[in-house]
Amino acid sequence: MLVSTKKLLNDARQGHYAVPAFNTSDLEMTMGIMRACEKLGSPVILATSERQIRFSNEREIYAILRTFAKEAKVPVAIHLDHGGSFEQAKKCIDIGYTSIHIDGSSLPYEENIEITKKVVAYAKKKNVSVEGELGHIITPKSKGDKTDRTLYFTDPEKAVEFVKKTGIDSLAISVGTAHGAYKGETNIDFDRLREIGKSVDVPLVLHGGSMVPKHDIQKAIQLGISKININTELRLSFTKYLRYYLVKNKRAYVPEEIMKGAIEAVAKDCEDKIEQFGSSKKG
């Protein structure tokens, strides 16, 4: 069933678990995601980034996700991830997305407020919830990179002001996670997360959740994280299986046979995340 993202996150915040936001761009990835969520009874946010939308277009990907949501026995929300413009946000709102992430984090603070407010004003007319972002979720460090990553972290005092001025329903924060694949431990600033969690009155969102260890994930949830985004890990599992299968079966040509194991690999990863996030049987 298609539901409000706002309700999913508010329920998670009150229940001290996190709703998984799994990124997808196609039928097969979505099959794996939904297989896991149905099996474990977890609510889910099906997320598409602008890049993933460009793989087809907004209407085609929405049609796939809407079909799964309509048939699902668990609550499903459909979400634009890292929307970079009002125009893209408006397109997704008009099509039927239940929530929008407007990412103005790379803009000057006041400009971030303005574009976020503009999206919120339009979204509220359509009963669509909005996730804003303050602080910048960065890519993994390359060798020799000496950049002070804390410069991009979310300022707790500004977070309070940002939420009040924009009217957002949830806030994506930067506390040490990173987008993409990387090696080694994450270095989450839990003191900063704790302060933000105590100060703002909306659910908090953690991007770059793929490579974060279980103990850090669960501590972050207890400190206020209600939505965790997963993308890279699913991509890696999907493509790893495809490479394995095609090397082993060089004459394979039937797509559904090739994809079967890749779908299962995605489902297995999603099951693991659902258990970590505590969202099993919350749907």
Protein backbone atom coordinates (compact mmCIF):
# COMPACT_ATOMS: atom_id res chain seq x y z
CA MET A 1 0.00 0.00 0.00
CA LEU A 2 1.21 3.47 -0.87
CA VAL A 3 1.48 5.63 2.25
CA SER A 4 2.70 8.99 3.51
CA THR A 5 6.44 9.18 4.06
CA LYS A 6 5.84 11.61 6.91
CA LYS A 7 3.80 9.04 8.84
CA LEU A 8 6.40 6.32 8.27
CA LEU A 9 9.16 8.50 9.71
CA ASN A 10 7.13 9.83 12.62
CA ASP A 11 6.20 6.26 13.58
CA ALA A 12 9.87 5.24 13.35
CA ARG A 13 10.96 8.17 15.49
CA GLN A 14 8.47 7.28 18.20
CA GLY A 15 9.32 3.57 17.98
CA HIS A 16 13.12 4.02 17.96
CA TYR A 17 13.78 2.21 14.69
CA ALA A 18 14.71 3.41 11.21
CA VAL A 19 12.81 2.99 7.95
CA PRO A 20 15.05 1.76 5.13
CA ALA A 21 15.19 3.95 2.04
CA PHE A 22 16.46 1.64 -0.68
CA ASN A 23 17.47 3.22 -3.98
CA THR A 24 16.31 1.60 -7.19
CA SER A 25 16.20 2.37 -10.89
CA ASP A 26 14.60 -0.70 -12.43
CA LEU A 27 12.26 -3.65 -12.11
CA GLU A 28 14.81 -6.19 -10.90
CA MET A 29 16.27 -4.09 -8.07
CA THR A 30 12.75 -3.28 -6.92
CA MET A 31 11.80 -6.96 -6.96
CA GLY A 32 14.68 -7.77 -4.63
CA ILE A 33 13.87 -4.90 -2.29
CA MET A 34 10.18 -5.72 -2.04
CA ARG A 35 10.82 -9.44 -1.63
CA ALA A 36 12.80 -8.70 1.53
CA CYS A 37 10.32 -6.16 2.91
CA GLU A 38 7.34 -8.45 2.39
CA LYS A 39 9.17 -11.39 3.95
CA LEU A 40 10.13 -9.45 7.10
CA GLY A 41 7.09 -7.18 7.33
CA SER A 42 9.06 -3.96 7.03
CA PRO A 43 7.83 -0.58 5.83
CA VAL A 44 10.01 0.77 3.04
CA ILE A 45 10.83 3.92 1.12
CA LEU A 46 11.58 3.25 -2.55
CA ALA A 47 13.98 6.02 -3.53
CA THR A 48 15.11 7.24 -6.93
CA SER A 49 17.87 9.78 -7.44
CA GLU A 50 17.96 12.16 -10.41
CA ARG A 51 20.62 9.95 -11.99
CA GLN A 52 18.44 6.88 -11.58
CA ILE A 53 15.44 8.71 -13.01
CA ARG A 54 17.47 9.64 -16.08
CA PHE A 55 17.99 5.91 -16.74
CA SER A 56 14.41 6.02 -18.02
CA ASN A 57 12.22 8.94 -16.92
CA GLU A 58 10.03 9.97 -14.00
CA ARG A 59 6.83 8.43 -15.30
CA GLU A 60 8.31 5.06 -16.23
CA ILE A 61 10.13 4.51 -12.95
CA TYR A 62 7.13 5.79 -10.96
CA ALA A 63 4.85 3.33 -12.79
CA ILE A 64 7.07 0.44 -11.68
CA LEU A 65 7.26 1.60 -8.07
CA ARG A 66 3.56 2.48 -7.88
CA THR A 67 2.62 -1.01 -9.09
CA PHE A 68 4.72 -2.65 -6.37
CA ALA A 69 3.32 -0.28 -3.74
CA LYS A 70 -0.27 -0.98 -4.77
CA GLU A 71 0.20 -4.74 -4.47
CA ALA A 72 2.33 -4.71 -1.31
CA LYS A 73 1.07 -5.87 2.07
CA VAL A 74 3.56 -3.54 3.79
CA PRO A 75 3.56 0.29 3.78
CA VAL A 76 5.50 1.72 0.82
CA ALA A 77 6.49 5.34 0.15
CA ILE A 78 7.98 6.66 -3.11
CA HIS A 79 10.73 9.23 -2.72
CA LEU A 80 12.91 11.54 -4.80
CA ASP A 81 16.45 11.29 -3.46
CA HIS A 82 18.83 14.27 -3.79
CA GLY A 83 16.58 16.42 -5.93
CA GLY A 84 18.72 19.29 -7.12
CA SER A 85 16.15 21.76 -8.39
CA PHE A 86 12.62 23.01 -7.85
CA GLU A 87 11.74 21.87 -11.37
CA GLN A 88 12.75 18.25 -10.70
CA ALA A 89 10.93 18.27 -7.37
CA LYS A 90 7.77 19.64 -9.00
CA LYS A 91 7.83 16.94 -11.70
CA CYS A 92 7.97 14.18 -9.11
CA ILE A 93 5.32 15.78 -6.91
CA ASP A 94 2.95 16.13 -9.85
CA ILE A 95 3.47 12.50 -10.90
CA GLY A 96 2.63 11.15 -7.44
CA TYR A 97 5.78 10.78 -5.35
CA THR A 98 4.93 10.82 -1.64
CA SER A 99 8.08 12.69 -0.58
CA ILE A 100 10.85 14.85 -1.95
CA HIS A 101 14.44 15.31 -0.82
CA ILE A 102 15.49 18.76 -1.94
CA ASP A 103 19.26 18.90 -1.61
CA GLY A 104 20.47 22.48 -1.37
CA SER A 105 23.39 21.52 0.86
CA SER A 106 26.03 22.68 -1.63
CA LEU A 107 24.45 26.15 -1.79
CA PRO A 108 25.13 29.05 0.58
CA TYR A 109 23.01 28.72 3.73
CA GLU A 110 20.41 31.37 2.84
CA GLU A 111 20.01 29.99 -0.69
CA ASN A 112 19.51 26.50 0.74
CA ILE A 113 16.73 27.90 2.93
CA GLU A 114 15.06 29.65 -0.01
CA ILE A 115 14.98 26.69 -2.41
CA THR A 116 13.85 24.36 0.39
CA LYS A 117 11.04 26.73 1.38
CA LYS A 118 9.92 26.95 -2.24
CA VAL A 119 9.68 23.16 -2.55
CA VAL A 120 7.90 22.88 0.82
CA ALA A 121 5.31 25.48 -0.22
CA TYR A 122 4.47 23.57 -3.40
CA ALA A 123 4.63 20.11 -1.81
CA LYS A 124 2.25 20.98 1.02
CA LYS A 125 -0.49 21.78 -1.51
CA LYS A 126 -0.26 18.16 -2.70
CA ASN A 127 0.16 16.57 0.76
CA VAL A 128 3.73 15.57 -0.09
CA SER A 129 6.39 15.61 2.63
CA VAL A 130 9.80 17.21 2.19
CA GLU A 131 13.26 16.25 3.41
CA GLY A 132 15.77 19.08 3.56
CA GLU A 133 19.53 18.78 3.96
CA LEU A 134 21.97 20.81 6.02
CA GLY A 135 25.65 19.96 6.00
CA HIS A 136 27.16 18.12 3.06
CA ILE A 137 27.34 14.32 2.74
CA ILE A 138 30.63 13.81 0.98
CA THR A 139 32.33 11.13 -1.10
CA PRO A 140 34.99 8.82 0.40
CA LYS A 141 38.49 10.22 0.86
CA SER A 142 40.94 9.52 -1.91
CA LYS A 143 44.54 8.65 -1.08
CA GLY A 144 46.41 11.72 0.14
CA ASP A 145 43.25 13.75 0.76
CA LYS A 146 43.84 15.86 3.88
CA THR A 147 40.55 17.77 3.80
CA ASP A 148 39.03 18.43 7.22
CA ARG A 149 35.72 16.61 6.74
CA THR A 150 34.19 18.17 9.86
CA LEU A 151 33.90 21.45 7.93
CA TYR A 152 31.00 19.82 6.06
CA PHE A 153 29.22 18.52 9.16
CA THR A 154 25.82 19.84 10.23
CA ASP A 155 25.88 22.73 12.70
CA PRO A 156 23.40 21.87 15.51
CA GLU A 157 22.34 25.48 16.09
CA LYS A 158 21.77 26.10 12.40
CA ALA A 159 19.82 22.84 12.19
CA VAL A 160 17.21 24.20 14.60
CA GLU A 161 16.92 27.44 12.63
CA PHE A 162 16.84 25.62 9.29
CA VAL A 163 13.94 23.39 10.32
CA LYS A 164 11.94 26.35 11.65
CA LYS A 165 12.54 28.57 8.62
CA THR A 166 11.84 25.94 5.97
CA GLY A 167 8.99 23.91 7.47
CA ILE A 168 10.52 20.59 6.37
CA ASP A 169 9.21 17.25 7.62
CA SER A 170 12.61 15.57 8.02
CA LEU A 171 16.25 16.65 8.03
CA ALA A 172 19.20 14.94 6.36
CA ILE A 173 22.35 15.63 8.34
CA SER A 174 26.08 15.18 7.86
CA VAL A 175 27.82 13.57 10.82
CA GLY A 176 30.57 11.49 9.22
CA THR A 177 29.07 9.03 6.75
CA ALA A 178 29.93 9.20 3.05
CA HIS A 179 28.38 8.31 -0.27
CA GLY A 180 29.79 5.46 -2.33
CA ALA A 181 31.99 2.46 -1.59
CA TYR A 182 34.87 2.84 0.82
CA LYS A 183 37.11 0.75 3.06
CA GLY A 184 37.70 1.09 6.77
CA GLU A 185 35.55 2.23 9.66
CA THR A 186 33.23 5.20 9.50
CA ASN A 187 33.86 7.96 11.99
CA ILE A 188 30.43 9.18 13.03
CA ASP A 189 30.33 12.21 15.32
CA PHE A 190 27.85 10.80 17.82
CA ASP A 191 28.09 13.81 20.13
CA ARG A 192 27.00 16.06 17.27
CA LEU A 193 24.22 13.65 16.34
CA ARG A 194 23.02 13.53 19.95
CA GLU A 195 22.88 17.33 20.14
CA ILE A 196 20.97 17.64 16.87
CA GLY A 197 18.58 14.87 17.90
CA LYS A 198 17.75 16.65 21.15
CA SER A 199 17.36 20.04 19.48
CA VAL A 200 15.20 19.52 16.39
CA ASP A 201 11.60 18.32 16.36
CA VAL A 202 11.58 16.37 13.08
CA PRO A 203 12.92 12.90 12.16
CA LEU A 204 16.58 12.79 11.16
CA VAL A 205 17.93 11.12 8.02
CA LEU A 206 21.29 9.39 7.57
CA HIS A 207 22.62 9.24 4.01
CA GLY A 208 25.56 7.06 3.01
CA GLY A 209 24.41 4.16 5.17
CA SER A 210 25.71 1.31 3.00
CA MET A 211 29.12 0.72 4.53
CA VAL A 212 28.33 1.68 8.13
CA PRO A 213 28.82 -1.16 10.66
CA LYS A 214 25.84 -2.53 12.57
CA HIS A 215 26.84 -1.16 15.98
CA ASP A 216 27.16 2.38 14.59
CA ILE A 217 23.84 2.10 12.78
CA GLN A 218 22.03 1.02 15.91
CA LYS A 219 23.64 3.71 18.05
CA ALA A 220 22.66 6.34 15.47
CA ILE A 221 19.05 5.15 15.58
CA GLN A 222 18.94 5.49 19.35
CA LEU A 223 20.19 9.07 18.99
CA GLY A 224 17.43 10.10 16.61
CA ILE A 225 17.99 8.69 13.12
CA SER A 226 14.64 7.56 11.65
CA LYS A 227 15.50 6.97 7.97
CA ILE A 228 18.65 5.43 6.53
CA ASN A 229 19.53 5.51 2.83
CA ILE A 230 21.08 2.47 1.17
CA ASN A 231 22.24 2.47 -2.44
CA THR A 232 25.86 1.44 -3.05
CA GLU A 233 25.68 -1.87 -1.20
CA LEU A 234 22.73 -3.06 -3.28
CA ARG A 235 24.46 -2.07 -6.51
CA LEU A 236 27.60 -3.95 -5.51
CA SER A 237 25.70 -7.14 -4.67
CA PHE A 238 23.62 -6.97 -7.85
CA THR A 239 26.57 -6.47 -10.20
CA LYS A 240 28.85 -8.89 -8.33
CA TYR A 241 26.37 -11.70 -8.92
CA LEU A 242 25.91 -10.79 -12.59
CA ARG A 243 29.66 -10.91 -13.19
CA TYR A 244 29.93 -14.25 -11.39
CA TYR A 245 27.03 -15.79 -13.32
CA LEU A 246 28.14 -14.61 -16.75
CA VAL A 247 31.72 -15.80 -16.25
CA LYS A 248 30.46 -19.19 -15.10
CA ASN A 249 27.78 -19.43 -17.81
CA LYS A 250 29.35 -17.90 -20.88
CA ARG A 251 26.55 -19.05 -23.19
CA ALA A 252 23.74 -17.69 -20.99
CA TYR A 253 21.28 -15.46 -22.85
CA VAL A 254 17.91 -15.71 -21.06
CA PRO A 255 17.56 -12.47 -19.04
CA GLU A 256 15.21 -13.83 -16.38
CA GLU A 257 17.59 -16.72 -15.64
CA ILE A 258 20.56 -14.36 -15.43
CA MET A 259 18.73 -11.89 -13.19
CA LYS A 260 17.25 -14.42 -10.77
CA GLY A 261 20.33 -14.69 -8.57
CA ALA A 262 21.00 -10.95 -8.70
CA ILE A 263 17.50 -10.28 -7.39
CA GLU A 264 18.11 -12.74 -4.55
CA ALA A 265 21.43 -11.06 -3.72
CA VAL A 266 19.66 -7.70 -3.38
CA ALA A 267 16.92 -9.27 -1.25
CA LYS A 268 19.49 -10.81 1.09
CA ASP A 269 21.23 -7.46 1.60
CA CYS A 270 17.91 -5.76 2.25
CA GLU A 271 16.95 -8.38 4.82
CA ASP A 272 20.21 -7.73 6.65
CA LYS A 273 19.59 -3.97 6.70
CA ILE A 274 16.00 -4.38 7.87
CA GLU A 275 17.17 -6.44 10.84
CA GLN A 276 19.85 -3.87 11.67
CA PHE A 277 17.40 -0.97 11.45
CA GLY A 278 14.82 -2.66 13.67
CA SER A 279 12.03 -2.20 11.10
CA SER A 280 11.10 -5.89 10.86
CA LYS A 281 7.41 -6.48 11.69
CA LYS A 282 6.77 -2.72 11.84
CA GLY A 283 4.71 -2.81 8.66
